[in-house]
C-alpha atoms as a PDB file:
ATOM      1  CA  MET A   1      -2.382  53.513  32.617  1.00  0.00           C
ATOM      2  CA  SER A   2      -6.160  53.564  32.500  1.00  0.00           C
ATOM      3  CA  GLN A   3      -8.309  50.874  34.065  1.00  0.00           C
ATOM      4  CA  SER A   4      -9.792  50.073  30.662  1.00  0.00           C
ATOM      5  CA  SER A   5      -6.426  49.420  29.006  1.00  0.00           C
ATOM      6  CA  PRO A   6      -5.681  45.823  27.929  1.00  0.00           C
ATOM      7  CA  VAL A   7      -2.433  45.841  29.924  1.00  0.00           C
ATOM      8  CA  PHE A   8      -4.258  46.837  33.123  1.00  0.00           C
ATOM      9  CA  ARG A   9      -6.933  44.160  32.587  1.00  0.00           C
ATOM     10  CA  MET A  10      -4.315  41.485  31.902  1.00  0.00           C
ATOM     11  CA  GLY A  11      -2.492  42.496  35.079  1.00  0.00           C
ATOM     12  CA  CYS A  12      -5.721  42.163  37.071  1.00  0.00           C
ATOM     13  CA  VAL A  13      -6.402  38.756  35.550  1.00  0.00           C
ATOM     14  CA  ALA A  14      -2.872  37.645  36.440  1.00  0.00           C
ATOM     15  CA  VAL A  15      -3.281  38.771  40.062  1.00  0.00           C
ATOM     16  CA  VAL A  16      -6.613  36.954  40.378  1.00  0.00           C
ATOM     17  CA  MET A  17      -5.103  33.776  38.886  1.00  0.00           C
ATOM     18  CA  VAL A  18      -2.165  33.858  41.306  1.00  0.00           C
ATOM     19  CA  LEU A  19      -4.530  34.311  44.255  1.00  0.00           C
ATOM     20  CA  PHE A  20      -6.792  31.505  43.017  1.00  0.00           C
ATOM     21  CA  LEU A  21      -3.906  29.122  42.459  1.00  0.00           C
ATOM     22  CA  SER A  22      -2.506  29.845  45.923  1.00  0.00           C
ATOM     23  CA  LEU A  23      -5.628  28.303  47.501  1.00  0.00           C
ATOM     24  CA  THR A  24      -5.445  24.619  48.306  1.00  0.00           C
ATOM     25  CA  TYR A  25      -8.129  22.310  46.984  1.00  0.00           C
ATOM     26  CA  VAL A  26      -8.752  18.638  47.752  1.00  0.00           C
ATOM     27  CA  ASN A  27     -11.418  16.729  45.824  1.00  0.00           C
ATOM     28  CA  GLY A  28     -12.640  20.023  44.397  1.00  0.00           C
ATOM     29  CA  GLN A  29     -13.110  21.606  47.837  1.00  0.00           C
ATOM     30  CA  ARG A  30     -11.171  24.537  49.241  1.00  0.00           C
ATOM     31  CA  THR A  31      -9.215  23.484  52.286  1.00  0.00           C
ATOM     32  CA  PHE A  32      -8.545  25.655  55.300  1.00  0.00           C
ATOM     33  CA  THR A  33      -5.908  25.210  57.964  1.00  0.00           C
ATOM     34  CA  GLU A  34      -6.961  26.072  61.501  1.00  0.00           C
ATOM     35  CA  ALA A  35      -4.953  29.324  61.234  1.00  0.00           C
ATOM     36  CA  GLU A  36      -6.661  30.243  57.960  1.00  0.00           C
ATOM     37  CA  LEU A  37     -10.115  29.490  59.328  1.00  0.00           C
ATOM     38  CA  ALA A  38      -9.406  31.700  62.355  1.00  0.00           C
ATOM     39  CA  GLN A  39      -9.263  34.707  59.975  1.00  0.00           C
ATOM     40  CA  TYR A  40     -13.006  34.295  59.268  1.00  0.00           C
ATOM     41  CA  ASP A  41     -14.266  34.966  62.796  1.00  0.00           C
ATOM     42  CA  GLY A  42     -16.509  37.919  61.985  1.00  0.00           C
ATOM     43  CA  SER A  43     -14.032  40.596  63.036  1.00  0.00           C
ATOM     44  CA  ASP A  44     -13.305  41.652  59.430  1.00  0.00           C
ATOM     45  CA  LEU A  45     -16.510  42.867  57.781  1.00  0.00           C
ATOM     46  CA  ASP A  46     -14.975  42.328  54.330  1.00  0.00           C
ATOM     47  CA  LYS A  47     -14.591  38.573  54.902  1.00  0.00           C
ATOM     48  CA  PRO A  48     -17.251  35.891  55.191  1.00  0.00           C
ATOM     49  CA  ILE A  49     -17.999  34.364  58.595  1.00  0.00           C
ATOM     50  CA  LEU A  50     -17.037  30.698  58.642  1.00  0.00           C
ATOM     51  CA  LEU A  51     -17.261  27.832  61.084  1.00  0.00           C
ATOM     52  CA  SER A  52     -16.432  24.170  60.865  1.00  0.00           C
ATOM     53  CA  ILE A  53     -18.396  21.158  62.061  1.00  0.00           C
ATOM     54  CA  LYS A  54     -16.738  17.768  61.723  1.00  0.00           C
ATOM     55  CA  GLY A  55     -14.283  19.317  59.301  1.00  0.00           C
ATOM     56  CA  ARG A  56     -16.906  20.779  56.963  1.00  0.00           C
ATOM     57  CA  VAL A  57     -16.548  24.548  56.648  1.00  0.00           C
ATOM     58  CA  TYR A  58     -19.854  26.435  56.491  1.00  0.00           C
ATOM     59  CA  ASP A  59     -20.333  30.047  55.423  1.00  0.00           C
ATOM     60  CA  VAL A  60     -22.667  31.423  58.117  1.00  0.00           C
ATOM     61  CA  THR A  61     -22.395  35.047  56.973  1.00  0.00           C
ATOM     62  CA  LYS A  62     -26.135  35.333  56.321  1.00  0.00           C
ATOM     63  CA  GLY A  63     -26.598  34.550  60.024  1.00  0.00           C
ATOM     64  CA  LYS A  64     -24.317  37.439  61.054  1.00  0.00           C
ATOM     65  CA  ASP A  65     -26.869  38.562  63.656  1.00  0.00           C
ATOM     66  CA  PHE A  66     -26.085  35.290  65.448  1.00  0.00           C
ATOM     67  CA  TYR A  67     -22.442  34.717  64.460  1.00  0.00           C
ATOM     68  CA  GLY A  68     -20.988  38.190  63.814  1.00  0.00           C
ATOM     69  CA  LYS A  69     -18.644  40.106  66.090  1.00  0.00           C
ATOM     70  CA  GLY A  70     -20.279  40.534  69.505  1.00  0.00           C
ATOM     71  CA  ALA A  71     -23.210  38.251  68.639  1.00  0.00           C
ATOM     72  CA  ALA A  72     -24.390  35.389  70.841  1.00  0.00           C
ATOM     73  CA  TYR A  73     -22.683  32.579  68.884  1.00  0.00           C
ATOM     74  CA  ASN A  74     -19.556  34.429  67.770  1.00  0.00           C
ATOM     75  CA  ALA A  75     -17.419  32.110  69.898  1.00  0.00           C
ATOM     76  CA  LEU A  76     -18.253  29.286  67.449  1.00  0.00           C
ATOM     77  CA  VAL A  77     -16.848  30.928  64.314  1.00  0.00           C
ATOM     78  CA  GLY A  78     -13.348  30.879  62.903  1.00  0.00           C
ATOM     79  CA  ARG A  79     -12.813  27.384  64.314  1.00  0.00           C
ATOM     80  CA  ASP A  80     -14.127  23.848  64.367  1.00  0.00           C
ATOM     81  CA  SER A  81     -17.007  23.887  66.843  1.00  0.00           C
ATOM     82  CA  SER A  82     -18.099  20.258  66.667  1.00  0.00           C
ATOM     83  CA  VAL A  83     -17.977  19.596  70.413  1.00  0.00           C
ATOM     84  CA  SER A  84     -19.613  22.882  71.369  1.00  0.00           C
ATOM     85  CA  ILE A  85     -22.441  22.379  68.895  1.00  0.00           C
ATOM     86  CA  ALA A  86     -22.962  18.752  69.949  1.00  0.00           C
ATOM     87  CA  LYS A  87     -23.201  19.831  73.602  1.00  0.00           C
ATOM     88  CA  MET A  88     -25.029  23.095  72.823  1.00  0.00           C
ATOM     89  CA  SER A  89     -22.349  24.763  74.912  1.00  0.00           C
ATOM     90  CA  LEU A  90     -20.304  27.937  74.734  1.00  0.00           C
ATOM     91  CA  GLU A  91     -18.215  26.965  77.752  1.00  0.00           C
ATOM     92  CA  PRO A  92     -14.489  27.625  77.205  1.00  0.00           C
ATOM     93  CA  ALA A  93     -13.627  23.998  78.055  1.00  0.00           C
ATOM     94  CA  ASP A  94     -15.936  22.742  75.280  1.00  0.00           C
ATOM     95  CA  LEU A  95     -14.689  25.342  72.802  1.00  0.00           C
ATOM     96  CA  ALA A  96     -11.117  24.238  73.531  1.00  0.00           C
ATOM     97  CA  LEU A  97     -11.930  20.640  72.511  1.00  0.00           C
ATOM     98  CA  LYS A  98     -12.718  21.849  69.003  1.00  0.00           C
ATOM     99  CA  ASN A  99     -12.816  18.920  66.641  1.00  0.00           C
ATOM    100  CA  ASP A 100     -12.210  15.963  68.966  1.00  0.00           C
ATOM    101  CA  ILE A 101     -15.617  14.300  69.091  1.00  0.00           C
ATOM    102  CA  SER A 102     -14.173  10.887  70.003  1.00  0.00           C
ATOM    103  CA  GLY A 103     -15.209  11.227  73.661  1.00  0.00           C
ATOM    104  CA  LEU A 104     -18.823  12.190  72.980  1.00  0.00           C
ATOM    105  CA  SER A 105     -21.667   9.848  73.872  1.00  0.00           C
ATOM    106  CA  LYS A 106     -23.864   8.316  71.192  1.00  0.00           C
ATOM    107  CA  SER A 107     -26.706  10.654  72.144  1.00  0.00           C
ATOM    108  CA  LEU A 108     -24.449  13.723  71.718  1.00  0.00           C
ATOM    109  CA  LEU A 109     -23.172  12.405  68.384  1.00  0.00           C
ATOM    110  CA  ASP A 110     -26.771  11.834  67.275  1.00  0.00           C
ATOM    111  CA  SER A 111     -27.643  15.358  68.412  1.00  0.00           C
ATOM    112  CA  LEU A 112     -24.717  16.758  66.425  1.00  0.00           C
ATOM    113  CA  GLU A 113     -25.835  14.938  63.279  1.00  0.00           C
ATOM    114  CA  GLU A 114     -29.379  16.232  63.764  1.00  0.00           C
ATOM    115  CA  VAL A 115     -28.206  19.837  64.128  1.00  0.00           C
ATOM    116  CA  ILE A 116     -26.059  19.488  61.008  1.00  0.00           C
ATOM    117  CA  LYS A 117     -28.923  17.951  59.024  1.00  0.00           C
ATOM    118  CA  GLU A 118     -31.680  20.278  60.241  1.00  0.00           C
ATOM    119  CA  THR A 119     -29.862  23.571  60.764  1.00  0.00           C
ATOM    120  CA  TYR A 120     -26.533  23.889  58.998  1.00  0.00           C
ATOM    121  CA  ASP A 121     -26.972  21.865  55.796  1.00  0.00           C
ATOM    122  CA  PRO A 122     -30.246  23.513  54.754  1.00  0.00           C
ATOM    123  CA  LYS A 123     -29.286  27.085  55.742  1.00  0.00           C
ATOM    124  CA  TYR A 124     -25.581  27.518  55.094  1.00  0.00           C
ATOM    125  CA  PRO A 125     -23.396  26.512  52.144  1.00  0.00           C
ATOM    126  CA  VAL A 126     -20.388  24.273  52.674  1.00  0.00           C
ATOM    127  CA  VAL A 127     -17.438  26.219  51.287  1.00  0.00           C
ATOM    128  CA  GLY A 128     -14.605  23.860  52.085  1.00  0.00           C
ATOM    129  CA  ALA A 129     -12.976  21.459  54.450  1.00  0.00           C
ATOM    130  CA  LEU A 130     -10.827  22.016  57.509  1.00  0.00           C
ATOM    131  CA  VAL A 131      -7.423  20.370  57.475  1.00  0.00           C
ATOM    132  CA  PHE A 132      -6.730  19.469  61.074  1.00  0.00           C
ATOM    133  CA  ASP A 133      -3.275  19.636  62.610  1.00  0.00           C
ATOM    134  CA  ASP A 134      -3.336  15.838  62.930  1.00  0.00           C
ATOM    135  CA  VAL A 135      -5.207  14.875  59.759  1.00  0.00           C
ATOM    136  CA  SER A 136      -5.038  11.082  60.062  1.00  0.00           C
ATOM    137  CA  SER A 137      -6.401  10.782  63.597  1.00  0.00           C
ATOM    138  CA  GLN A 138      -9.134  13.364  62.972  1.00  0.00           C
ATOM    139  CA  ALA A 139     -10.212  11.655  59.752  1.00  0.00           C
ATOM    140  CA  GLU A 140     -10.746   8.471  61.742  1.00  0.00           C
ATOM    141  CA  LYS A 141     -12.516  10.251  64.586  1.00  0.00           C
ATOM    142  CA  ASN A 142     -14.751  12.427  62.436  1.00  0.00           C
ATOM    143  CA  GLU A 143     -15.088  10.240  59.341  1.00  0.00           C
ATOM    144  CA  LEU A 144     -14.162  13.050  56.941  1.00  0.00           C
END
């Protein structure tokens, strides 16, 4: 069967539709589980590089010199890095806190909002939302 045959093209369309429909969307946004987001950590050059801040998933691929495999901020990708970004920290203890910003001071929360507003929102597209393991408590904490 040739690639230009109608049967081949219909088969390709069917495969694409199945893949598209298998993605989960909420309010028009693609959702990612923590396990799904972990697949976008820069180790696979065929996939975008993603990170989450307060549950918003950003595509930081165009900053691969900073976020790609072996780069300075690679520890932030493939996960929610809200605490680390608020504290400007790559310490393992801060990375482990991931999305729980409830214990951060007002000044750190203000700093996080400033970094989002001045760095991430203008430079990187939001491509989805992270669905946390405990959605209800994180929605309250992070005001998703």
